[in-house]
Amino acid sequence: MRSYFKVTITIVLLLISGLLINATQQSDEKYPGTSVTSHDPSVDNTYRIKAIKIPEQLSFAGEKVPLDNPDVRERMDRELLVNTYWQSNGLLWIKRAHKYFPIIEPILKRNGVPDDFKYLAVIESDLLNVTSPAGAKGFWQLLRDAARENGLEVNENVDERYHLEKATEAACKYIKNAKEKFGSWTLAAAAYHAGNYGLDKRLEEQMVSSYYDVLAGEMTERYVFRILAAKEILNNPNKYGFYFDESDLYSMPPSYTVKVDTTITNIAAFAKKYNTYYKELKTFNPWLRENTLNNRSGKVYYIKIPKE
């Protein structure tokens, strides 16, 4: 009796196993894409994630990047990969650079700051008037005290960190002071992120003099490489897979300036006086932070007015 029962159980289990195997085979036939061994050649032909070749030579502000150092190569590789495959952001960099670099470049040149520092603004703000969690503002991400120390007016009514031309002038002063202190444009760029005191302390403690040799925290250690990646991509967009027409790029709309040395009690009404409107006037003059301009001292301001 027991033997008969065992035989019966065995037969039932075999039948169940057979049904499961058959069901699995039918499932694979019905949904061939679910098989772990399936291969669709069309996928390979439409999208590939490829390693990026690091250029044989790179420089920042005329200073050579030591790419023969394996650690330096790996850090450079990381930033090229991150920014090449963040395609939407890279394309926006290219579009905005066409609009804003013509404003930034002559100011850098006039102040004796290498042209490569325009890419610092790119990685600081993506060429947008953003505010960081620490309170840094504008294209150059200047903190309030640093902005004031370098000649900008910063208050609730007027914040010249949002004035691209004036903020670029202030950034140039900061960068030149750092270059004078550290003797290197690369270290000056790193100090823009870490601060002069913070970077100087680490260099002294670690008894090194090169940016590429100092342990300074992850974000500072990535900082110059992010600038280099922006420079490489913006100078060689096709090489990194970015294609566009001239008409795709952003341009600065034409404007003219109006000299103002009195209080403006209502900026919306002021805008209407010049055949424009509040939003458009603020777009051209983001440094005006309120609907008034409190100017009791008679300071001279130049307000941009869009041309009709």
Protein backbone atom coordinates (compact mmCIF):
# COMPACT_ATOMS: atom_id res chain seq x y z
CA MET A 1 0.00 0.00 0.00
CA ARG A 2 2.77 2.41 0.98
CA SER A 3 4.72 1.45 -2.18
CA TYR A 4 1.66 2.16 -4.34
CA PHE A 5 1.25 5.57 -2.67
CA LYS A 6 4.89 6.50 -3.35
CA VAL A 7 4.55 5.54 -7.01
CA THR A 8 1.40 7.64 -7.33
CA ILE A 9 3.10 10.69 -5.77
CA THR A 10 6.11 10.29 -8.08
CA ILE A 11 3.90 10.17 -11.17
CA VAL A 12 2.00 13.30 -10.07
CA LEU A 13 5.26 15.23 -9.47
CA LEU A 14 6.60 14.23 -12.88
CA LEU A 15 3.39 15.42 -14.55
CA ILE A 16 3.57 18.77 -12.73
CA SER A 17 7.24 19.22 -13.72
CA GLY A 18 6.38 18.50 -17.34
CA LEU A 19 3.61 21.07 -17.32
CA LEU A 20 5.94 23.73 -15.83
CA ILE A 21 8.66 23.08 -18.42
CA ASN A 22 6.11 23.27 -21.24
CA ALA A 23 4.66 26.51 -19.86
CA THR A 24 8.12 28.07 -19.66
CA GLN A 25 8.91 27.11 -23.25
CA GLN A 26 5.60 28.55 -24.46
CA SER A 27 6.26 31.75 -22.51
CA ASP A 28 9.67 32.16 -24.17
CA GLU A 29 8.11 31.57 -27.59
CA LYS A 30 5.34 34.09 -26.93
CA TYR A 31 7.62 36.72 -25.36
CA PRO A 32 11.07 36.13 -26.88
CA GLY A 33 12.35 39.45 -25.55
CA THR A 34 12.22 38.16 -21.98
CA SER A 35 14.90 35.56 -22.57
CA VAL A 36 18.20 36.47 -20.92
CA THR A 37 19.99 35.23 -24.02
CA SER A 38 17.87 37.16 -26.52
CA HIS A 39 19.77 39.54 -28.81
CA ASP A 40 18.31 42.43 -30.75
CA PRO A 41 20.92 43.81 -33.16
CA SER A 42 18.88 46.97 -33.75
CA VAL A 43 19.57 48.11 -30.17
CA ASP A 44 23.32 47.96 -30.75
CA ASN A 45 22.96 50.02 -33.91
CA THR A 46 20.96 52.83 -32.36
CA TYR A 47 22.56 53.54 -29.00
CA ARG A 48 25.94 52.77 -27.48
CA ILE A 49 27.69 53.89 -24.34
CA LYS A 50 31.33 54.18 -25.31
CA ALA A 51 34.44 54.96 -23.32
CA ILE A 52 35.88 58.39 -24.05
CA LYS A 53 39.46 58.86 -25.13
CA ILE A 54 41.25 61.42 -23.00
CA PRO A 55 43.21 63.94 -25.11
CA GLU A 56 46.95 63.42 -25.12
CA GLN A 57 47.52 66.96 -23.87
CA LEU A 58 45.40 69.35 -21.84
CA SER A 59 46.12 72.71 -20.28
CA PHE A 60 44.32 75.23 -18.11
CA ALA A 61 45.16 78.91 -18.54
CA GLY A 62 48.43 77.90 -20.22
CA GLU A 63 49.40 75.52 -17.38
CA LYS A 64 49.93 71.89 -18.35
CA VAL A 65 47.74 69.16 -16.88
CA PRO A 66 49.97 66.21 -15.78
CA LEU A 67 48.08 63.48 -17.62
CA ASP A 68 50.98 61.07 -17.17
CA ASN A 69 49.79 60.75 -13.56
CA PRO A 70 47.24 57.85 -13.39
CA ASP A 71 45.19 59.60 -10.69
CA VAL A 72 44.96 62.76 -12.79
CA ARG A 73 43.86 60.75 -15.85
CA GLU A 74 41.17 58.98 -13.85
CA ARG A 75 39.82 62.24 -12.44
CA MET A 76 39.77 63.77 -15.92
CA ASP A 77 38.05 60.69 -17.31
CA ARG A 78 35.30 60.95 -14.72
CA GLU A 79 34.38 64.53 -15.59
CA LEU A 80 34.50 63.94 -19.34
CA LEU A 81 32.20 60.94 -18.96
CA VAL A 82 29.76 62.69 -16.62
CA ASN A 83 29.45 65.79 -18.78
CA THR A 84 29.49 64.08 -22.18
CA TYR A 85 26.68 61.72 -21.24
CA TRP A 86 24.66 64.42 -19.49
CA GLN A 87 23.60 65.37 -22.99
CA SER A 88 20.79 67.83 -22.25
CA ASN A 89 22.96 69.90 -19.92
CA GLY A 90 25.88 69.87 -22.34
CA LEU A 91 23.71 71.11 -25.17
CA LEU A 92 22.34 73.89 -22.97
CA TRP A 93 25.93 74.87 -22.13
CA ILE A 94 26.64 75.23 -25.84
CA LYS A 95 23.50 77.27 -26.50
CA ARG A 96 24.00 79.62 -23.55
CA ALA A 97 27.73 80.05 -24.22
CA HIS A 98 26.87 81.51 -27.62
CA LYS A 99 24.72 84.09 -25.84
CA TYR A 100 26.91 85.02 -22.87
CA PHE A 101 30.56 84.38 -23.79
CA PRO A 102 30.68 87.52 -25.99
CA ILE A 103 29.92 89.51 -22.81
CA ILE A 104 32.32 87.63 -20.53
CA GLU A 105 35.35 87.26 -22.83
CA PRO A 106 36.30 90.95 -23.31
CA ILE A 107 36.00 91.60 -19.57
CA LEU A 108 38.39 88.75 -18.77
CA LYS A 109 40.80 90.02 -21.42
CA ARG A 110 40.65 93.61 -20.19
CA ASN A 111 41.48 92.45 -16.66
CA GLY A 112 44.36 90.19 -17.70
CA VAL A 113 42.53 87.01 -16.67
CA PRO A 114 43.00 83.99 -18.99
CA ASP A 115 40.10 83.21 -21.30
CA ASP A 116 39.80 79.70 -19.81
CA PHE A 117 38.14 81.20 -16.73
CA LYS A 118 34.92 81.64 -18.68
CA TYR A 119 34.48 77.88 -18.25
CA LEU A 120 34.59 78.40 -14.48
CA ALA A 121 31.33 80.35 -14.81
CA VAL A 122 29.90 77.47 -16.83
CA ILE A 123 30.48 74.87 -14.13
CA GLU A 124 29.56 77.24 -11.30
CA SER A 125 26.10 78.16 -12.55
CA ASP A 126 25.44 76.54 -15.96
CA LEU A 127 25.35 80.20 -17.12
CA LEU A 128 22.19 80.89 -15.14
CA ASN A 129 21.38 83.35 -12.35
CA VAL A 130 21.06 80.65 -9.71
CA THR A 131 21.31 80.67 -5.92
CA SER A 132 23.30 77.99 -4.09
CA PRO A 133 22.31 76.46 -0.73
CA ALA A 134 25.14 78.54 0.80
CA GLY A 135 23.67 81.76 -0.60
CA ALA A 136 26.09 82.30 -3.51
CA LYS A 137 24.34 84.01 -6.41
CA GLY A 138 24.60 84.77 -10.08
CA PHE A 139 26.68 83.38 -12.93
CA TRP A 140 29.85 83.60 -10.84
CA GLN A 141 28.24 82.30 -7.63
CA LEU A 142 29.63 85.03 -5.40
CA LEU A 143 28.86 85.02 -1.69
CA ARG A 144 27.64 88.33 -0.26
CA ASP A 145 30.84 89.27 1.59
CA ALA A 146 33.10 88.34 -1.32
CA ALA A 147 30.90 90.36 -3.67
CA ARG A 148 31.06 93.45 -1.46
CA GLU A 149 34.81 93.09 -0.94
CA ASN A 150 35.21 93.14 -4.71
CA GLY A 151 33.13 96.23 -5.34
CA LEU A 152 29.55 95.03 -5.82
CA GLU A 153 26.45 96.55 -4.29
CA VAL A 154 24.44 93.88 -2.49
CA ASN A 155 21.23 94.62 -0.61
CA GLU A 156 17.54 93.77 -0.79
CA ASN A 157 16.92 96.41 -3.45
CA VAL A 158 19.98 96.00 -5.68
CA ASP A 159 22.12 92.87 -6.00
CA GLU A 160 24.89 93.29 -8.53
CA ARG A 161 25.83 89.63 -8.33
CA TYR A 162 23.04 89.33 -10.90
CA HIS A 163 24.63 92.02 -13.09
CA LEU A 164 26.71 89.92 -15.48
CA GLU A 165 29.21 92.61 -16.48
CA LYS A 166 29.81 93.87 -12.94
CA ALA A 167 29.88 90.38 -11.45
CA THR A 168 32.48 89.34 -14.04
CA GLU A 169 34.61 92.33 -13.03
CA ALA A 170 34.33 91.28 -9.38
CA ALA A 171 35.22 87.67 -10.21
CA CYS A 172 38.31 88.92 -12.08
CA LYS A 173 39.48 90.80 -8.97
CA TYR A 174 39.04 87.70 -6.82
CA ILE A 175 40.85 85.46 -9.32
CA LYS A 176 43.77 87.88 -9.76
CA ASN A 177 44.23 88.18 -6.00
CA ALA A 178 44.29 84.39 -5.72
CA LYS A 179 46.80 84.14 -8.58
CA GLU A 180 49.05 86.66 -6.83
CA LYS A 181 48.84 84.66 -3.61
CA PHE A 182 49.37 81.16 -5.03
CA GLY A 183 51.43 81.91 -8.15
CA SER A 184 49.32 79.59 -10.30
CA TRP A 185 46.13 80.06 -12.31
CA THR A 186 45.17 76.46 -11.58
CA LEU A 187 45.43 77.05 -7.83
CA ALA A 188 43.57 80.34 -8.26
CA ALA A 189 40.69 78.41 -9.84
CA ALA A 190 40.73 75.88 -6.99
CA ALA A 191 40.74 78.74 -4.47
CA TYR A 192 37.62 80.14 -6.12
CA HIS A 193 35.87 77.03 -4.82
CA ALA A 194 37.74 76.29 -1.59
CA GLY A 195 38.58 79.85 -0.56
CA ASN A 196 42.09 81.29 -0.26
CA TYR A 197 42.42 80.45 3.41
CA GLY A 198 41.12 76.89 3.11
CA LEU A 199 43.34 76.01 0.17
CA ASP A 200 46.42 77.69 1.63
CA LYS A 201 45.98 75.77 4.89
CA ARG A 202 45.80 72.41 3.10
CA LEU A 203 48.82 73.12 0.91
CA GLU A 204 50.86 74.11 3.95
CA GLU A 205 49.75 71.16 6.09
CA GLN A 206 50.45 68.65 3.33
CA MET A 207 53.70 70.34 2.21
CA VAL A 208 52.72 70.39 -1.47
CA SER A 209 52.48 73.22 -3.98
CA SER A 210 50.43 71.71 -6.82
CA TYR A 211 46.66 71.46 -7.15
CA TYR A 212 47.08 67.95 -8.52
CA ASP A 213 48.89 66.78 -5.36
CA VAL A 214 46.69 68.25 -2.63
CA LEU A 215 43.97 66.41 -0.72
CA ALA A 216 41.31 69.10 -0.50
CA GLY A 217 37.90 67.43 -0.33
CA GLU A 218 36.04 65.76 -3.16
CA MET A 219 34.37 68.80 -4.70
CA THR A 220 37.53 70.91 -4.73
CA GLU A 221 39.50 67.98 -6.14
CA ARG A 222 36.95 67.64 -8.95
CA TYR A 223 36.65 71.38 -9.56
CA VAL A 224 39.42 72.07 -12.08
CA PHE A 225 38.65 68.84 -13.93
CA ARG A 226 35.05 69.96 -14.32
CA ILE A 227 36.33 73.23 -15.81
CA LEU A 228 38.60 71.27 -18.15
CA ALA A 229 35.71 69.03 -19.22
CA ALA A 230 33.56 72.07 -19.99
CA LYS A 231 36.40 73.59 -22.00
CA GLU A 232 36.99 70.39 -23.96
CA ILE A 233 33.31 69.81 -24.77
CA LEU A 234 32.53 73.42 -25.70
CA ASN A 235 35.62 73.65 -27.91
CA ASN A 236 35.00 70.28 -29.60
CA PRO A 237 31.25 69.62 -29.46
CA ASN A 238 31.09 67.26 -32.45
CA LYS A 239 33.88 65.12 -31.02
CA TYR A 240 31.69 64.45 -27.99
CA GLY A 241 28.48 63.85 -29.90
CA PHE A 242 26.86 67.30 -29.81
CA TYR A 243 25.37 68.43 -33.13
CA PHE A 244 23.34 71.56 -33.77
CA ASP A 245 22.61 74.27 -36.31
CA GLU A 246 23.56 77.91 -35.87
CA SER A 247 19.88 78.72 -35.53
CA ASP A 248 19.64 76.44 -32.48
CA LEU A 249 21.97 78.66 -30.45
CA TYR A 250 20.77 81.41 -28.12
CA SER A 251 21.57 85.07 -28.79
CA MET A 252 21.35 88.22 -26.72
CA PRO A 253 18.41 90.38 -27.85
CA PRO A 254 19.38 93.94 -28.78
CA SER A 255 19.06 96.64 -26.15
CA TYR A 256 20.15 100.17 -25.27
CA THR A 257 20.91 101.75 -21.89
CA VAL A 258 19.24 104.53 -19.97
CA LYS A 259 21.16 106.50 -17.35
CA VAL A 260 19.32 106.80 -14.03
CA ASP A 261 20.49 108.82 -11.01
CA THR A 262 17.21 109.20 -9.14
CA THR A 263 14.79 106.96 -7.29
CA ILE A 264 12.36 104.90 -9.37
CA THR A 265 9.20 104.52 -7.34
CA ASN A 266 7.57 102.00 -9.66
CA ILE A 267 9.65 99.93 -12.08
CA ALA A 268 6.56 98.57 -13.83
CA ALA A 269 5.52 102.14 -14.67
CA PHE A 270 9.13 102.93 -15.67
CA ALA A 271 9.05 99.98 -18.08
CA LYS A 272 5.83 101.17 -19.69
CA LYS A 273 7.39 104.59 -20.20
CA TYR A 274 9.94 102.88 -22.47
CA ASN A 275 7.37 100.76 -24.31
CA THR A 276 8.25 97.54 -22.55
CA TYR A 277 6.87 95.69 -19.55
CA TYR A 278 8.02 94.68 -16.08
CA LYS A 279 9.00 91.06 -16.81
CA GLU A 280 11.06 91.97 -19.88
CA LEU A 281 12.82 94.82 -18.07
CA LYS A 282 13.69 92.49 -15.18
CA THR A 283 14.98 89.88 -17.66
CA PHE A 284 17.46 92.46 -18.98
CA ASN A 285 18.23 93.81 -15.49
CA PRO A 286 18.00 90.94 -12.98
CA TRP A 287 20.08 92.96 -10.49
CA LEU A 288 16.97 95.07 -9.79
CA ARG A 289 15.44 92.96 -7.04
CA GLU A 290 12.26 94.89 -6.23
CA ASN A 291 9.64 97.01 -7.96
CA THR A 292 11.47 100.16 -6.87
CA LEU A 293 14.98 101.55 -7.11
CA ASN A 294 15.87 103.29 -3.86
CA ASN A 295 18.49 105.80 -4.89
CA ARG A 296 18.59 108.53 -2.26
CA SER A 297 22.33 109.04 -2.76
CA GLY A 298 22.01 109.90 -6.45
CA LYS A 299 24.19 107.00 -7.59
CA VAL A 300 24.36 106.49 -11.35
CA TYR A 301 22.85 103.27 -12.69
CA TYR A 302 22.53 102.13 -16.28
CA ILE A 303 19.34 100.22 -17.03
CA LYS A 304 19.07 98.14 -20.19
CA ILE A 305 15.97 98.68 -22.29
CA PRO A 306 15.02 96.14 -24.98
CA LYS A 307 14.90 97.56 -28.48
CA GLU A 308 11.55 97.30 -30.20
